[in-house]
Amino acid sequence: MSQVERNYKIEHLLEKNKFSKEVVLEMSDEQVEYFHWLYFEESVYDLM
């Protein structure tokens, strides 16, 4: 993941107030992607 994309996803996670800044900054790229997906990506099942 590019640094720009990572920063974008980190900003969204911090806005959600689920994690502290220190915790998010220590996450791997995979963890950032996973939690961003978990909280922000819509699923087909969300629309049912």
Protein backbone atom coordinates (compact mmCIF):
# COMPACT_ATOMS: atom_id res chain seq x y z
CA MET A 1 0.00 0.00 0.00
CA SER A 2 1.31 3.45 -0.77
CA GLN A 3 2.05 5.94 1.98
CA VAL A 4 -0.71 8.24 0.71
CA GLU A 5 -3.27 5.44 0.84
CA ARG A 6 -2.09 4.39 4.31
CA ASN A 7 -2.35 7.95 5.62
CA TYR A 8 -5.84 8.27 4.16
CA LYS A 9 -7.01 5.08 5.86
CA ILE A 10 -5.34 5.99 9.15
CA GLU A 11 -7.13 9.35 9.17
CA HIS A 12 -10.48 7.58 8.78
CA LEU A 13 -9.70 5.18 11.61
CA LEU A 14 -8.71 8.02 13.89
CA GLU A 15 -11.91 9.91 13.06
CA LYS A 16 -13.90 6.86 14.09
CA ASN A 17 -12.25 7.04 17.55
CA LYS A 18 -11.87 3.30 17.78
CA PHE A 19 -8.11 3.39 18.27
CA SER A 20 -5.58 5.74 19.74
CA LYS A 21 -3.11 7.38 17.39
CA GLU A 22 -0.21 5.38 18.86
CA VAL A 23 -1.97 2.07 18.24
CA VAL A 24 -2.88 2.92 14.64
CA LEU A 25 0.62 4.11 13.80
CA GLU A 26 2.08 0.81 15.04
CA MET A 27 -0.25 -1.31 12.89
CA SER A 28 1.01 -3.12 9.83
CA ASP A 29 -0.38 -2.28 6.40
CA GLU A 30 -2.52 -5.39 6.52
CA GLN A 31 -4.05 -4.40 9.86
CA VAL A 32 -4.80 -0.88 8.62
CA GLU A 33 -6.48 -2.29 5.53
CA TYR A 34 -8.48 -4.79 7.55
CA PHE A 35 -9.83 -2.29 10.07
CA HIS A 36 -10.57 0.25 7.35
CA TRP A 37 -12.49 -2.43 5.48
CA LEU A 38 -14.28 -3.46 8.68
CA TYR A 39 -15.53 0.03 9.52
CA PHE A 40 -15.86 1.78 6.18
CA GLU A 41 -16.47 -0.60 3.29
CA GLU A 42 -20.07 -1.34 2.48
CA SER A 43 -21.07 -4.90 1.92
CA VAL A 44 -23.96 -6.23 -0.11
CA TYR A 45 -25.32 -7.53 3.18
CA ASP A 46 -25.32 -4.01 4.67
CA LEU A 47 -27.85 -2.99 2.07
CA MET A 48 -30.32 -5.78 2.81
